Amino acid sequence: MPLTLAFTTSSALDANKNEPFELGSVQWIRRFGDGERPALACGYWHVTPAEAPEPFDLVMEADETISIVQGHLTIEVEGGDVYDLLPGGAASFNRGARTRWTVLEPTIEFFVYS
């Protein structure tokens, strides 16, 4: 049986729904706790080089999978891989991974925390 994929393009994003986030802003699709799932959330993260002018370190607080909708960023995993992510690029990280992020262009990232 063929796999059917459904997705939302950046044209469906609504900037009026963006909320401040730790860095940049986020448009939530599913918040932690929705559907009685306390560890599951997803949405669109928006960030610009002006909001993150220097690389920043981030320890992953949950398993996280991302896909770049628009823009360009790099993520270095301590002791491991470097991801150069452009539109259509994706990566997945385990909870506890130590990473360094560099925002190279205004970026919209779709993310899922689990």
C-alpha atoms as a PDB file:
ATOM      1  CA  MET A   1       0.000   0.000   0.000  1.00  0.00           C
ATOM      2  CA  PRO A   2       1.538   3.392  -0.977  1.00  0.00           C
ATOM      3  CA  LEU A   3       2.366   5.859   1.766  1.00  0.00           C
ATOM      4  CA  THR A   4       0.365   9.098   1.632  1.00  0.00           C
ATOM      5  CA  LEU A   5       1.932  12.222   3.100  1.00  0.00           C
ATOM      6  CA  ALA A   6       0.124  15.422   3.968  1.00  0.00           C
ATOM      7  CA  PHE A   7       1.910  18.637   4.821  1.00  0.00           C
ATOM      8  CA  THR A   8       1.384  22.360   5.217  1.00  0.00           C
ATOM      9  CA  THR A   9       3.404  24.788   3.142  1.00  0.00           C
ATOM     10  CA  SER A  10       4.737  28.102   4.396  1.00  0.00           C
ATOM     11  CA  SER A  11       1.837  29.859   2.637  1.00  0.00           C
ATOM     12  CA  ALA A  12      -0.472  28.381   5.320  1.00  0.00           C
ATOM     13  CA  LEU A  13       1.557  29.904   8.164  1.00  0.00           C
ATOM     14  CA  ASP A  14      -0.133  32.758   9.987  1.00  0.00           C
ATOM     15  CA  ALA A  15       2.331  35.293  11.437  1.00  0.00           C
ATOM     16  CA  ASN A  16      -0.511  36.657  13.601  1.00  0.00           C
ATOM     17  CA  LYS A  17      -0.432  33.363  15.533  1.00  0.00           C
ATOM     18  CA  ASN A  18       3.269  33.622  16.382  1.00  0.00           C
ATOM     19  CA  GLU A  19       4.155  33.844  20.063  1.00  0.00           C
ATOM     20  CA  PRO A  20       7.457  34.796  21.672  1.00  0.00           C
ATOM     21  CA  PHE A  21       9.728  31.812  22.230  1.00  0.00           C
ATOM     22  CA  GLU A  22      13.047  31.333  24.032  1.00  0.00           C
ATOM     23  CA  LEU A  23      14.647  32.657  20.850  1.00  0.00           C
ATOM     24  CA  GLY A  24      12.609  33.904  17.908  1.00  0.00           C
ATOM     25  CA  SER A  25       8.907  33.036  17.848  1.00  0.00           C
ATOM     26  CA  VAL A  26       6.722  29.954  17.536  1.00  0.00           C
ATOM     27  CA  GLN A  27       3.369  29.102  15.989  1.00  0.00           C
ATOM     28  CA  TRP A  28       2.073  26.093  17.911  1.00  0.00           C
ATOM     29  CA  ILE A  29       0.132  23.377  16.112  1.00  0.00           C
ATOM     30  CA  ARG A  30      -0.027  21.101  19.140  1.00  0.00           C
ATOM     31  CA  ARG A  31       0.924  22.208  22.648  1.00  0.00           C
ATOM     32  CA  PHE A  32       2.318  19.988  25.366  1.00  0.00           C
ATOM     33  CA  GLY A  33      -0.604  18.226  27.036  1.00  0.00           C
ATOM     34  CA  ASP A  34      -3.041  18.426  24.125  1.00  0.00           C
ATOM     35  CA  GLY A  35      -4.907  15.138  23.746  1.00  0.00           C
ATOM     36  CA  GLU A  36      -3.596  14.067  27.141  1.00  0.00           C
ATOM     37  CA  ARG A  37      -0.079  13.718  25.695  1.00  0.00           C
ATOM     38  CA  PRO A  38       2.149  15.713  28.101  1.00  0.00           C
ATOM     39  CA  ALA A  39       5.402  15.006  26.264  1.00  0.00           C
ATOM     40  CA  LEU A  40       4.266  15.688  22.681  1.00  0.00           C
ATOM     41  CA  ALA A  41       4.225  19.082  20.950  1.00  0.00           C
ATOM     42  CA  CYS A  42       4.833  20.485  17.470  1.00  0.00           C
ATOM     43  CA  GLY A  43       4.826  23.754  15.618  1.00  0.00           C
ATOM     44  CA  TYR A  44       6.779  26.201  13.495  1.00  0.00           C
ATOM     45  CA  TRP A  45       9.801  28.000  14.908  1.00  0.00           C
ATOM     46  CA  HIS A  46      10.705  31.326  13.274  1.00  0.00           C
ATOM     47  CA  VAL A  47      14.157  32.834  13.822  1.00  0.00           C
ATOM     48  CA  THR A  48      16.356  35.386  12.050  1.00  0.00           C
ATOM     49  CA  PRO A  49      20.107  36.012  12.136  1.00  0.00           C
ATOM     50  CA  ALA A  50      19.349  39.311  13.925  1.00  0.00           C
ATOM     51  CA  GLU A  51      17.666  37.342  16.742  1.00  0.00           C
ATOM     52  CA  ALA A  52      20.583  34.891  16.900  1.00  0.00           C
ATOM     53  CA  PRO A  53      23.620  36.816  15.627  1.00  0.00           C
ATOM     54  CA  GLU A  54      26.078  34.345  17.201  1.00  0.00           C
ATOM     55  CA  PRO A  55      26.046  30.544  17.338  1.00  0.00           C
ATOM     56  CA  PHE A  56      24.259  29.297  20.462  1.00  0.00           C
ATOM     57  CA  ASP A  57      24.507  26.092  22.453  1.00  0.00           C
ATOM     58  CA  LEU A  58      21.427  24.017  23.183  1.00  0.00           C
ATOM     59  CA  VAL A  59      21.053  20.821  25.183  1.00  0.00           C
ATOM     60  CA  MET A  60      18.013  18.995  23.829  1.00  0.00           C
ATOM     61  CA  GLU A  61      15.383  18.783  26.570  1.00  0.00           C
ATOM     62  CA  ALA A  62      13.309  16.223  24.638  1.00  0.00           C
ATOM     63  CA  ASP A  63      13.678  14.051  21.575  1.00  0.00           C
ATOM     64  CA  GLU A  64      13.248  16.495  18.701  1.00  0.00           C
ATOM     65  CA  THR A  65      12.784  16.064  14.962  1.00  0.00           C
ATOM     66  CA  ILE A  66      12.954  19.094  12.678  1.00  0.00           C
ATOM     67  CA  SER A  67      12.382  19.939   9.035  1.00  0.00           C
ATOM     68  CA  ILE A  68      13.363  23.232   7.416  1.00  0.00           C
ATOM     69  CA  VAL A  69      10.506  24.949   5.596  1.00  0.00           C
ATOM     70  CA  GLN A  70      12.448  28.092   4.684  1.00  0.00           C
ATOM     71  CA  GLY A  71      15.915  29.452   5.389  1.00  0.00           C
ATOM     72  CA  HIS A  72      19.261  27.980   6.354  1.00  0.00           C
ATOM     73  CA  LEU A  73      20.885  26.900   9.586  1.00  0.00           C
ATOM     74  CA  THR A  74      23.610  24.571  10.759  1.00  0.00           C
ATOM     75  CA  ILE A  75      23.559  22.340  13.806  1.00  0.00           C
ATOM     76  CA  GLU A  76      26.710  20.763  15.205  1.00  0.00           C
ATOM     77  CA  VAL A  77      26.286  17.811  17.573  1.00  0.00           C
ATOM     78  CA  GLU A  78      29.007  17.600  20.206  1.00  0.00           C
ATOM     79  CA  GLY A  79      31.394  14.820  19.234  1.00  0.00           C
ATOM     80  CA  GLY A  80      29.430  13.995  16.112  1.00  0.00           C
ATOM     81  CA  ASP A  81      27.702  15.187  12.995  1.00  0.00           C
ATOM     82  CA  VAL A  82      27.211  18.631  11.472  1.00  0.00           C
ATOM     83  CA  TYR A  83      23.880  19.253   9.752  1.00  0.00           C
ATOM     84  CA  ASP A  84      23.729  21.944   7.056  1.00  0.00           C
ATOM     85  CA  LEU A  85      19.969  22.368   6.753  1.00  0.00           C
ATOM     86  CA  LEU A  86      18.189  24.042   3.845  1.00  0.00           C
ATOM     87  CA  PRO A  87      14.492  23.838   2.837  1.00  0.00           C
ATOM     88  CA  GLY A  88      13.424  20.207   2.797  1.00  0.00           C
ATOM     89  CA  GLY A  89      16.307  19.171   5.052  1.00  0.00           C
ATOM     90  CA  ALA A  90      15.542  17.296   8.238  1.00  0.00           C
ATOM     91  CA  ALA A  91      17.331  16.042  11.345  1.00  0.00           C
ATOM     92  CA  SER A  92      16.442  14.237  14.542  1.00  0.00           C
ATOM     93  CA  PHE A  93      18.097  14.496  17.957  1.00  0.00           C
ATOM     94  CA  ASN A  94      17.869  12.477  21.141  1.00  0.00           C
ATOM     95  CA  ARG A  95      17.087  14.079  24.472  1.00  0.00           C
ATOM     96  CA  GLY A  96      20.305  15.219  26.108  1.00  0.00           C
ATOM     97  CA  ALA A  97      22.200  15.832  22.849  1.00  0.00           C
ATOM     98  CA  ARG A  98      24.549  18.808  23.156  1.00  0.00           C
ATOM     99  CA  THR A  99      24.279  20.977  20.047  1.00  0.00           C
ATOM    100  CA  ARG A 100      25.473  24.300  18.650  1.00  0.00           C
ATOM    101  CA  TRP A 101      23.097  26.140  16.304  1.00  0.00           C
ATOM    102  CA  THR A 102      23.998  28.825  13.741  1.00  0.00           C
ATOM    103  CA  VAL A 103      21.193  30.753  12.004  1.00  0.00           C
ATOM    104  CA  LEU A 104      22.478  31.722   8.545  1.00  0.00           C
ATOM    105  CA  GLU A 105      19.239  33.066   6.999  1.00  0.00           C
ATOM    106  CA  PRO A 106      15.752  33.877   8.289  1.00  0.00           C
ATOM    107  CA  THR A 107      14.462  30.380   9.006  1.00  0.00           C
ATOM    108  CA  ILE A 108      11.154  28.619   9.555  1.00  0.00           C
ATOM    109  CA  GLU A 109      11.525  25.166  11.050  1.00  0.00           C
ATOM    110  CA  PHE A 110       8.791  22.624  11.646  1.00  0.00           C
ATOM    111  CA  PHE A 111       9.539  20.732  14.873  1.00  0.00           C
ATOM    112  CA  VAL A 112       8.144  17.826  16.849  1.00  0.00           C
ATOM    113  CA  TYR A 113       9.063  17.311  20.511  1.00  0.00           C
ATOM    114  CA  SER A 114       8.429  13.867  21.936  1.00  0.00           C
END
